[in-house]
Amino acid sequence: MVEMNELIRICPKCGSINLRQNPPVWDQKPTDVVQAKCMMCNHQGRDFPLIKKTVVKQFREKLAKK
């Protein structure tokens, strides 16, 4: 099972991890619906996936190919 400290939310539009989240990161539970806003491209909503920190680079590469 993946630990929560191994996961990070990422912007599905630009791949940034610089996000403002509600509820804040320290109050989030795995079952919470999280509203987020990307501080780089201003994309906002609930569609920010949780991914392993080790695959951030691959996620960004896939976005660049689109």
C-alpha atoms as a PDB file:
ATOM      1  CA  MET A   1       0.000   0.000   0.000  1.00  0.00           C
ATOM      2  CA  VAL A   2       1.214   3.506  -0.843  1.00  0.00           C
ATOM      3  CA  GLU A   3       1.737   5.861   2.093  1.00  0.00           C
ATOM      4  CA  MET A   4       0.207   9.358   1.920  1.00  0.00           C
ATOM      5  CA  ASN A   5       3.657  10.944   2.349  1.00  0.00           C
ATOM      6  CA  GLU A   6       4.715   9.248  -0.924  1.00  0.00           C
ATOM      7  CA  LEU A   7       1.939  10.985  -2.881  1.00  0.00           C
ATOM      8  CA  ILE A   8       1.581  14.511  -4.217  1.00  0.00           C
ATOM      9  CA  ARG A   9      -1.183  16.381  -6.045  1.00  0.00           C
ATOM     10  CA  ILE A  10      -0.267  17.708  -9.468  1.00  0.00           C
ATOM     11  CA  CYS A  11      -1.917  20.082 -11.908  1.00  0.00           C
ATOM     12  CA  PRO A  12      -3.434  18.111 -14.798  1.00  0.00           C
ATOM     13  CA  LYS A  13      -3.030  21.115 -17.109  1.00  0.00           C
ATOM     14  CA  CYS A  14       0.600  22.226 -16.621  1.00  0.00           C
ATOM     15  CA  GLY A  15       2.187  19.596 -14.329  1.00  0.00           C
ATOM     16  CA  SER A  16       2.990  22.014 -11.506  1.00  0.00           C
ATOM     17  CA  ILE A  17       3.026  20.861  -7.901  1.00  0.00           C
ATOM     18  CA  ASN A  18       2.764  24.476  -6.665  1.00  0.00           C
ATOM     19  CA  LEU A  19      -0.879  24.288  -5.543  1.00  0.00           C
ATOM     20  CA  ARG A  20      -3.167  25.889  -3.006  1.00  0.00           C
ATOM     21  CA  GLN A  21      -5.426  23.184  -1.585  1.00  0.00           C
ATOM     22  CA  ASN A  22      -8.606  23.143   0.494  1.00  0.00           C
ATOM     23  CA  PRO A  23      -8.567  21.432   2.954  1.00  0.00           C
ATOM     24  CA  PRO A  24      -4.877  22.178   3.572  1.00  0.00           C
ATOM     25  CA  VAL A  25      -2.412  19.355   3.017  1.00  0.00           C
ATOM     26  CA  TRP A  26      -1.917  18.743   6.736  1.00  0.00           C
ATOM     27  CA  ASP A  27      -5.695  18.243   7.260  1.00  0.00           C
ATOM     28  CA  GLN A  28      -6.359  15.982   4.240  1.00  0.00           C
ATOM     29  CA  LYS A  29      -7.540  12.419   4.554  1.00  0.00           C
ATOM     30  CA  PRO A  30      -7.488   9.901   1.677  1.00  0.00           C
ATOM     31  CA  THR A  31     -11.285  10.116   1.379  1.00  0.00           C
ATOM     32  CA  ASP A  32     -11.491  13.948   1.295  1.00  0.00           C
ATOM     33  CA  VAL A  33     -12.683  15.802  -1.784  1.00  0.00           C
ATOM     34  CA  VAL A  34      -9.931  18.345  -2.337  1.00  0.00           C
ATOM     35  CA  GLN A  35     -10.407  21.645  -4.142  1.00  0.00           C
ATOM     36  CA  ALA A  36      -7.133  22.933  -5.553  1.00  0.00           C
ATOM     37  CA  LYS A  37      -5.809  25.891  -7.513  1.00  0.00           C
ATOM     38  CA  CYS A  38      -2.582  25.804  -9.487  1.00  0.00           C
ATOM     39  CA  MET A  39      -0.423  28.804  -8.689  1.00  0.00           C
ATOM     40  CA  MET A  40       1.342  28.552 -12.075  1.00  0.00           C
ATOM     41  CA  CYS A  41      -1.539  28.385 -14.604  1.00  0.00           C
ATOM     42  CA  ASN A  42      -4.532  29.237 -12.337  1.00  0.00           C
ATOM     43  CA  HIS A  43      -6.338  25.987 -13.216  1.00  0.00           C
ATOM     44  CA  GLN A  44      -8.722  25.121 -10.408  1.00  0.00           C
ATOM     45  CA  GLY A  45     -11.144  22.387  -9.464  1.00  0.00           C
ATOM     46  CA  ARG A  46     -11.282  18.893  -8.016  1.00  0.00           C
ATOM     47  CA  ASP A  47      -9.504  17.061 -10.838  1.00  0.00           C
ATOM     48  CA  PHE A  48      -5.949  17.272  -9.445  1.00  0.00           C
ATOM     49  CA  PRO A  49      -4.686  13.677  -9.284  1.00  0.00           C
ATOM     50  CA  LEU A  50      -2.621  12.217  -6.470  1.00  0.00           C
ATOM     51  CA  ILE A  51       0.482  10.587  -7.928  1.00  0.00           C
ATOM     52  CA  LYS A  52       3.658   9.091  -6.520  1.00  0.00           C
ATOM     53  CA  LYS A  53       6.382  11.694  -6.044  1.00  0.00           C
ATOM     54  CA  THR A  54       8.733   9.475  -8.053  1.00  0.00           C
ATOM     55  CA  VAL A  55       6.653   9.795 -11.260  1.00  0.00           C
ATOM     56  CA  VAL A  56       6.249  13.592 -11.409  1.00  0.00           C
ATOM     57  CA  LYS A  57       8.838  13.851 -14.201  1.00  0.00           C
ATOM     58  CA  GLN A  58       7.079  11.182 -16.308  1.00  0.00           C
ATOM     59  CA  PHE A  59       3.700  12.897 -15.755  1.00  0.00           C
ATOM     60  CA  ARG A  60       5.137  16.189 -17.038  1.00  0.00           C
ATOM     61  CA  GLU A  61       6.695  14.464 -20.050  1.00  0.00           C
ATOM     62  CA  LYS A  62       3.304  12.989 -21.003  1.00  0.00           C
ATOM     63  CA  LEU A  63       1.701  16.446 -20.716  1.00  0.00           C
ATOM     64  CA  ALA A  64       4.375  17.934 -22.975  1.00  0.00           C
ATOM     65  CA  LYS A  65       3.612  15.358 -25.681  1.00  0.00           C
ATOM     66  CA  LYS A  66      -0.072  16.359 -25.823  1.00  0.00           C
END
